C-alpha atoms as a PDB file:
ATOM      1  CA  MET A   1     138.706  18.125  41.312  1.00  0.00           C
ATOM      2  CA  VAL A   2     141.384  20.505  39.967  1.00  0.00           C
ATOM      3  CA  ASN A   3     144.017  19.077  42.313  1.00  0.00           C
ATOM      4  CA  LEU A   4     142.987  15.536  41.361  1.00  0.00           C
ATOM      5  CA  PHE A   5     143.395  16.385  37.669  1.00  0.00           C
ATOM      6  CA  LYS A   6     146.819  17.955  38.291  1.00  0.00           C
ATOM      7  CA  SER A   7     147.889  14.838  40.194  1.00  0.00           C
ATOM      8  CA  PHE A   8     146.754  12.660  37.292  1.00  0.00           C
ATOM      9  CA  VAL A   9     148.676  14.809  34.800  1.00  0.00           C
ATOM     10  CA  ALA A  10     151.762  14.659  37.028  1.00  0.00           C
ATOM     11  CA  VAL A  11     151.630  10.852  37.108  1.00  0.00           C
ATOM     12  CA  LEU A  12     151.095  10.753  33.340  1.00  0.00           C
ATOM     13  CA  VAL A  13     154.061  13.055  32.703  1.00  0.00           C
ATOM     14  CA  LEU A  14     156.231  10.952  35.019  1.00  0.00           C
ATOM     15  CA  PHE A  15     155.178   7.751  33.236  1.00  0.00           C
ATOM     16  CA  VAL A  16     155.859   9.178  29.787  1.00  0.00           C
ATOM     17  CA  SER A  17     159.146  10.772  30.835  1.00  0.00           C
ATOM     18  CA  CYS A  18     160.549   7.447  32.052  1.00  0.00           C
ATOM     19  CA  SER A  19     160.607   6.157  28.474  1.00  0.00           C
ATOM     20  CA  ILE A  20     162.511   9.077  26.881  1.00  0.00           C
ATOM     21  CA  PRO A  21     166.137  10.335  27.168  1.00  0.00           C
ATOM     22  CA  ALA A  22     167.112  12.474  30.164  1.00  0.00           C
ATOM     23  CA  ASP A  23     167.459  15.725  28.197  1.00  0.00           C
ATOM     24  CA  GLU A  24     164.010  15.285  26.680  1.00  0.00           C
ATOM     25  CA  GLN A  25     162.559  14.464  30.108  1.00  0.00           C
ATOM     26  CA  LEU A  26     163.884  17.709  31.561  1.00  0.00           C
ATOM     27  CA  ALA A  27     162.644  19.667  28.538  1.00  0.00           C
ATOM     28  CA  LEU A  28     159.194  18.098  28.986  1.00  0.00           C
ATOM     29  CA  LEU A  29     159.050  19.128  32.660  1.00  0.00           C
ATOM     30  CA  GLU A  30     160.179  22.651  31.755  1.00  0.00           C
ATOM     31  CA  LYS A  31     157.460  22.834  29.081  1.00  0.00           C
ATOM     32  CA  LYS A  32     154.694  21.485  31.356  1.00  0.00           C
ATOM     33  CA  GLY A  33     155.621  23.962  34.071  1.00  0.00           C
ATOM     34  CA  PHE A  34     155.409  26.885  31.685  1.00  0.00           C
ATOM     35  CA  GLU A  35     152.055  25.658  30.340  1.00  0.00           C
ATOM     36  CA  ASN A  36     150.758  25.697  33.924  1.00  0.00           C
ATOM     37  CA  ILE A  37     151.898  29.317  34.308  1.00  0.00           C
ATOM     38  CA  LEU A  38     149.976  30.296  31.183  1.00  0.00           C
ATOM     39  CA  GLU A  39     146.811  28.924  32.800  1.00  0.00           C
ATOM     40  CA  ASP A  40     147.236  29.841  36.458  1.00  0.00           C
ATOM     41  CA  SER A  41     149.448  31.935  38.749  1.00  0.00           C
ATOM     42  CA  LEU A  42     152.503  30.345  40.324  1.00  0.00           C
ATOM     43  CA  LYS A  43     153.583  31.885  43.634  1.00  0.00           C
ATOM     44  CA  LEU A  44     156.942  30.894  45.109  1.00  0.00           C
ATOM     45  CA  ALA A  45     159.058  31.827  48.101  1.00  0.00           C
ATOM     46  CA  TYR A  46     162.788  31.456  47.529  1.00  0.00           C
ATOM     47  CA  ALA A  47     166.137  31.590  49.297  1.00  0.00           C
ATOM     48  CA  ILE A  48     169.473  31.803  47.456  1.00  0.00           C
ATOM     49  CA  GLN A  49     172.989  31.585  48.860  1.00  0.00           C
ATOM     50  CA  SER A  50     176.364  31.487  47.141  1.00  0.00           C
ATOM     51  CA  THR A  51     179.920  31.021  48.388  1.00  0.00           C
ATOM     52  CA  GLY A  52     183.344  31.153  46.799  1.00  0.00           C
ATOM     53  CA  ALA A  53     184.265  33.760  44.204  1.00  0.00           C
ATOM     54  CA  PHE A  54     181.151  35.808  45.036  1.00  0.00           C
ATOM     55  CA  GLU A  55     178.919  35.654  48.114  1.00  0.00           C
ATOM     56  CA  VAL A  56     175.168  36.149  47.999  1.00  0.00           C
ATOM     57  CA  ASP A  57     172.378  35.729  50.551  1.00  0.00           C
ATOM     58  CA  LEU A  58     168.962  36.716  49.172  1.00  0.00           C
ATOM     59  CA  LYS A  59     165.371  35.699  49.825  1.00  0.00           C
ATOM     60  CA  GLY A  60     162.000  36.815  48.574  1.00  0.00           C
ATOM     61  CA  ASP A  61     158.855  35.941  46.628  1.00  0.00           C
ATOM     62  CA  LEU A  62     158.173  35.417  42.934  1.00  0.00           C
ATOM     63  CA  ILE A  63     154.865  35.404  41.040  1.00  0.00           C
ATOM     64  CA  LEU A  64     154.516  34.273  37.420  1.00  0.00           C
ATOM     65  CA  HIS A  65     151.325  34.210  35.350  1.00  0.00           C
ATOM     66  CA  GLY A  66     150.515  34.249  31.651  1.00  0.00           C
ATOM     67  CA  ASN A  67     153.039  35.602  29.167  1.00  0.00           C
ATOM     68  CA  SER A  68     153.789  38.952  30.763  1.00  0.00           C
ATOM     69  CA  ILE A  69     152.707  39.076  34.425  1.00  0.00           C
ATOM     70  CA  SER A  70     155.401  38.833  37.078  1.00  0.00           C
ATOM     71  CA  LYS A  71     156.185  40.243  40.492  1.00  0.00           C
ATOM     72  CA  LEU A  72     159.375  39.681  42.471  1.00  0.00           C
ATOM     73  CA  SER A  73     160.778  40.872  45.773  1.00  0.00           C
ATOM     74  CA  ALA A  74     164.325  40.298  47.026  1.00  0.00           C
ATOM     75  CA  SER A  75     166.148  41.303  50.197  1.00  0.00           C
ATOM     76  CA  GLY A  76     169.490  40.443  51.726  1.00  0.00           C
ATOM     77  CA  HIS A  77     173.086  40.853  50.554  1.00  0.00           C
ATOM     78  CA  PHE A  78     174.628  40.758  47.084  1.00  0.00           C
ATOM     79  CA  GLY A  79     178.346  40.654  47.605  1.00  0.00           C
ATOM     80  CA  HIS A  80     178.593  42.503  50.896  1.00  0.00           C
ATOM     81  CA  ILE A  81     176.111  45.186  49.861  1.00  0.00           C
ATOM     82  CA  PRO A  82     172.615  45.205  51.433  1.00  0.00           C
ATOM     83  CA  GLN A  83     169.893  44.992  48.793  1.00  0.00           C
ATOM     84  CA  GLU A  84     166.145  45.627  48.675  1.00  0.00           C
ATOM     85  CA  MET A  85     164.992  44.886  45.121  1.00  0.00           C
ATOM     86  CA  SER A  86     161.832  44.241  43.166  1.00  0.00           C
ATOM     87  CA  TRP A  87     160.235  44.071  39.791  1.00  0.00           C
ATOM     88  CA  PHE A  88     156.565  44.035  38.843  1.00  0.00           C
ATOM     89  CA  SER A  89     154.708  44.193  35.564  1.00  0.00           C
ATOM     90  CA  GLN A  90     151.885  46.661  35.060  1.00  0.00           C
ATOM     91  CA  LYS A  91     150.176  46.482  31.667  1.00  0.00           C
ATOM     92  CA  ASP A  92     152.770  47.652  29.134  1.00  0.00           C
ATOM     93  CA  SER A  93     155.435  48.513  31.723  1.00  0.00           C
ATOM     94  CA  LEU A  94     157.882  46.523  33.815  1.00  0.00           C
ATOM     95  CA  TRP A  95     158.919  48.441  36.935  1.00  0.00           C
ATOM     96  CA  ILE A  96     162.363  47.714  38.368  1.00  0.00           C
ATOM     97  CA  ALA A  97     163.589  48.905  41.756  1.00  0.00           C
ATOM     98  CA  THR A  98     166.911  48.493  43.560  1.00  0.00           C
ATOM     99  CA  ASN A  99     167.371  50.122  46.965  1.00  0.00           C
ATOM    100  CA  GLN A 100     166.465  53.763  46.331  1.00  0.00           C
ATOM    101  CA  LYS A 101     166.513  53.628  42.524  1.00  0.00           C
ATOM    102  CA  LYS A 102     163.529  52.845  40.299  1.00  0.00           C
ATOM    103  CA  LYS A 103     162.709  52.850  36.605  1.00  0.00           C
ATOM    104  CA  ALA A 104     160.217  51.453  34.104  1.00  0.00           C
ATOM    105  CA  VAL A 105     160.956  49.628  30.859  1.00  0.00           C
ATOM    106  CA  GLN A 106     158.614  48.323  28.204  1.00  0.00           C
ATOM    107  CA  ASN A 107     157.019  45.014  29.146  1.00  0.00           C
ATOM    108  CA  SER A 108     157.213  42.006  26.825  1.00  0.00           C
ATOM    109  CA  ASP A 109     155.088  38.970  25.959  1.00  0.00           C
ATOM    110  CA  SER A 110     158.239  36.922  26.552  1.00  0.00           C
ATOM    111  CA  LEU A 111     158.716  38.132  30.150  1.00  0.00           C
ATOM    112  CA  THR A 112     157.548  35.063  32.079  1.00  0.00           C
ATOM    113  CA  LYS A 113     159.168  32.677  29.604  1.00  0.00           C
ATOM    114  CA  SER A 114     162.545  34.356  30.036  1.00  0.00           C
ATOM    115  CA  ILE A 115     162.261  34.120  33.832  1.00  0.00           C
ATOM    116  CA  TRP A 116     161.009  30.516  33.806  1.00  0.00           C
ATOM    117  CA  ILE A 117     163.613  29.150  31.413  1.00  0.00           C
ATOM    118  CA  GLY A 118     166.306  31.147  33.173  1.00  0.00           C
ATOM    119  CA  MET A 119     165.277  29.532  36.488  1.00  0.00           C
ATOM    120  CA  TYR A 120     165.413  26.054  34.978  1.00  0.00           C
ATOM    121  CA  ARG A 121     168.628  26.309  33.030  1.00  0.00           C
ATOM    122  CA  MET A 122     170.882  28.753  34.905  1.00  0.00           C
ATOM    123  CA  GLY A 123     169.036  29.633  38.108  1.00  0.00           C
ATOM    124  CA  LEU A 124     167.251  32.739  39.364  1.00  0.00           C
ATOM    125  CA  LEU A 125     170.438  34.299  40.740  1.00  0.00           C
ATOM    126  CA  HIS A 126     171.511  35.485  37.285  1.00  0.00           C
ATOM    127  CA  ASN A 127     168.420  37.659  36.892  1.00  0.00           C
ATOM    128  CA  LEU A 128     168.782  38.925  40.463  1.00  0.00           C
ATOM    129  CA  ALA A 129     172.302  40.004  39.508  1.00  0.00           C
ATOM    130  CA  MET A 130     170.775  41.862  36.545  1.00  0.00           C
ATOM    131  CA  LEU A 131     168.318  43.502  38.929  1.00  0.00           C
ATOM    132  CA  THR A 132     171.106  44.929  41.126  1.00  0.00           C
ATOM    133  CA  THR A 133     172.044  47.161  38.176  1.00  0.00           C
ATOM    134  CA  LEU A 134     168.418  48.100  37.397  1.00  0.00           C
ATOM    135  CA  GLN A 135     168.259  45.740  34.431  1.00  0.00           C
ATOM    136  CA  PRO A 136     165.234  43.584  33.480  1.00  0.00           C
ATOM    137  CA  PRO A 137     165.462  39.777  33.261  1.00  0.00           C
ATOM    138  CA  ASP A 138     168.003  38.702  30.657  1.00  0.00           C
ATOM    139  CA  GLN A 139     166.561  38.059  27.193  1.00  0.00           C
ATOM    140  CA  TYR A 140     163.079  39.121  28.307  1.00  0.00           C
ATOM    141  CA  LYS A 141     162.493  40.427  24.788  1.00  0.00           C
ATOM    142  CA  GLY A 142     164.638  37.873  22.989  1.00  0.00           C
ATOM    143  CA  ASP A 143     165.002  34.151  22.381  1.00  0.00           C
ATOM    144  CA  VAL A 144     166.033  32.875  25.801  1.00  0.00           C
ATOM    145  CA  SER A 145     165.739  29.231  24.686  1.00  0.00           C
ATOM    146  CA  SER A 146     168.675  29.512  22.293  1.00  0.00           C
ATOM    147  CA  TRP A 147     170.634  31.925  24.511  1.00  0.00           C
ATOM    148  CA  VAL A 148     170.984  29.532  27.461  1.00  0.00           C
ATOM    149  CA  ARG A 149     170.777  25.750  27.224  1.00  0.00           C
ATOM    150  CA  TYR A 150     171.648  22.610  29.134  1.00  0.00           C
ATOM    151  CA  ASP A 151     173.698  19.701  27.813  1.00  0.00           C
ATOM    152  CA  SER A 152     174.865  16.249  28.965  1.00  0.00           C
ATOM    153  CA  VAL A 153     171.738  15.786  31.090  1.00  0.00           C
ATOM    154  CA  LYS A 154     171.674  12.774  33.395  1.00  0.00           C
ATOM    155  CA  ILE A 155     169.161  11.475  35.921  1.00  0.00           C
ATOM    156  CA  ASN A 156     170.473  10.709  39.389  1.00  0.00           C
ATOM    157  CA  LYS A 157     169.295   7.927  41.718  1.00  0.00           C
ATOM    158  CA  ASP A 158     167.253  10.384  43.808  1.00  0.00           C
ATOM    159  CA  GLY A 159     165.367  11.608  40.708  1.00  0.00           C
ATOM    160  CA  SER A 160     167.281  14.878  40.362  1.00  0.00           C
ATOM    161  CA  TYR A 161     168.749  16.048  37.047  1.00  0.00           C
ATOM    162  CA  SER A 162     172.389  17.070  36.543  1.00  0.00           C
ATOM    163  CA  PHE A 163     173.620  18.935  33.475  1.00  0.00           C
ATOM    164  CA  GLN A 164     176.189  21.297  31.986  1.00  0.00           C
ATOM    165  CA  ILE A 165     175.180  24.933  31.381  1.00  0.00           C
ATOM    166  CA  PHE A 166     175.981  26.793  28.179  1.00  0.00           C
ATOM    167  CA  VAL A 167     175.350  30.517  27.680  1.00  0.00           C
ATOM    168  CA  GLN A 168     175.773  31.758  24.109  1.00  0.00           C
ATOM    169  CA  ASN A 169     177.403  28.377  23.401  1.00  0.00           C
ATOM    170  CA  GLN A 170     180.039  28.988  26.077  1.00  0.00           C
ATOM    171  CA  HIS A 171     180.304  26.541  28.977  1.00  0.00           C
ATOM    172  CA  SER A 172     179.614  28.436  32.219  1.00  0.00           C
ATOM    173  CA  GLY A 173     179.068  25.749  34.862  1.00  0.00           C
ATOM    174  CA  GLU A 174     177.087  22.737  35.958  1.00  0.00           C
ATOM    175  CA  ALA A 175     173.947  22.238  38.034  1.00  0.00           C
ATOM    176  CA  THR A 176     171.751  19.653  39.720  1.00  0.00           C
ATOM    177  CA  VAL A 177     168.028  20.382  40.089  1.00  0.00           C
ATOM    178  CA  TRP A 178     165.169  18.698  41.927  1.00  0.00           C
ATOM    179  CA  ILE A 179     161.845  19.311  40.146  1.00  0.00           C
ATOM    180  CA  ASN A 180     158.494  19.638  41.924  1.00  0.00           C
ATOM    181  CA  LYS A 181     156.305  16.749  40.780  1.00  0.00           C
ATOM    182  CA  GLU A 182     153.020  18.700  40.701  1.00  0.00           C
ATOM    183  CA  TYR A 183     153.866  22.181  39.396  1.00  0.00           C
ATOM    184  CA  TYR A 184     157.255  21.337  37.815  1.00  0.00           C
ATOM    185  CA  PHE A 185     159.241  24.244  39.258  1.00  0.00           C
ATOM    186  CA  PRO A 186     162.849  23.613  40.419  1.00  0.00           C
ATOM    187  CA  GLU A 187     162.399  23.121  44.177  1.00  0.00           C
ATOM    188  CA  LYS A 188     166.123  22.877  44.826  1.00  0.00           C
ATOM    189  CA  ARG A 189     169.221  23.746  42.849  1.00  0.00           C
ATOM    190  CA  GLU A 190     172.920  23.218  43.484  1.00  0.00           C
ATOM    191  CA  GLN A 191     175.197  24.854  40.952  1.00  0.00           C
ATOM    192  CA  ILE A 192     178.815  25.678  40.242  1.00  0.00           C
ATOM    193  CA  VAL A 193     179.491  28.806  38.171  1.00  0.00           C
ATOM    194  CA  ARG A 194     183.008  29.137  36.814  1.00  0.00           C
ATOM    195  CA  PHE A 195     184.827  32.465  36.474  1.00  0.00           C
ATOM    196  CA  PRO A 196     188.387  33.211  35.275  1.00  0.00           C
ATOM    197  CA  ASN A 197     189.361  33.977  38.899  1.00  0.00           C
ATOM    198  CA  GLY A 198     187.601  31.033  40.558  1.00  0.00           C
ATOM    199  CA  GLU A 199     184.219  29.404  41.008  1.00  0.00           C
ATOM    200  CA  MET A 200     181.010  30.234  42.811  1.00  0.00           C
ATOM    201  CA  ARG A 201     178.839  27.581  44.460  1.00  0.00           C
ATOM    202  CA  VAL A 202     175.144  28.414  44.468  1.00  0.00           C
ATOM    203  CA  LYS A 203     172.190  26.907  46.319  1.00  0.00           C
ATOM    204  CA  GLU A 204     168.615  27.893  45.443  1.00  0.00           C
ATOM    205  CA  HIS A 205     165.476  26.725  47.254  1.00  0.00           C
ATOM    206  CA  PHE A 206     161.899  27.386  46.115  1.00  0.00           C
ATOM    207  CA  GLU A 207     158.689  26.672  48.029  1.00  0.00           C
ATOM    208  CA  LEU A 208     155.117  26.927  46.772  1.00  0.00           C
ATOM    209  CA  ILE A 209     152.925  29.624  48.333  1.00  0.00           C
ATOM    210  CA  LYS A 210     149.301  28.475  48.354  1.00  0.00           C
END
C-alpha cells in the first residue's frame, strides 16, 4: 500500500511538473525528495569519478533521515591519495573521520538539508572534498539554499535537467542530472567544474539500497 501511494504521488508530481517552468519543476522534485527524507530513511550507494584538472575515484554509501541523521562511508582515491572516510551523526554530535584522523563537531538541524541540496545543485563530490580535510558538509549550519543555486534550467529530451551552477553568486560550472521518479534523488549526474587552471569533469551515480 505504501509503495502504491508513493507511485501515485510520483505520477501526480510528474503531471503537475509538466505544466510549470523547468526551474520550478526541478525545485519541486528537490522539495519532494527532502520531504520524503523527513518521513523515512533514504539509503543510497554511490560511485563518483572525475577527470581533468583533478582526478577522483570514490564509492560508498549514504543514509539520510529527518533533519539531522546521516551516515556516510567513502573509499577510493582523492587526487592520487588513498582515502577511507566517513561521517555519522550521533545525537548532538557529528563524527568525521578521514584515514586515521577523527573528530566530532556539533550536529545541526540543517544537516540533512545541506547534504540533500548540495547533492542536487552541485553534487556530492564537494562535500567529500570537505571531508578529506576533516570538515563537515558545507553550510550544514547555514542557509545552503542561498549559498548554492542553479540557473538557466532546461529539460532535455530524455527527461534530464541541465543547468548552470552558482556558488555565492559566482558561476562555477554546469551539470545535467537524471532524477529518480519515485524517491526524487539524482540517480546520475554529469558535471563540469571550472577552475582558473582548467576544468574537471565529474560523473556521479546513485542507486537505492532497499
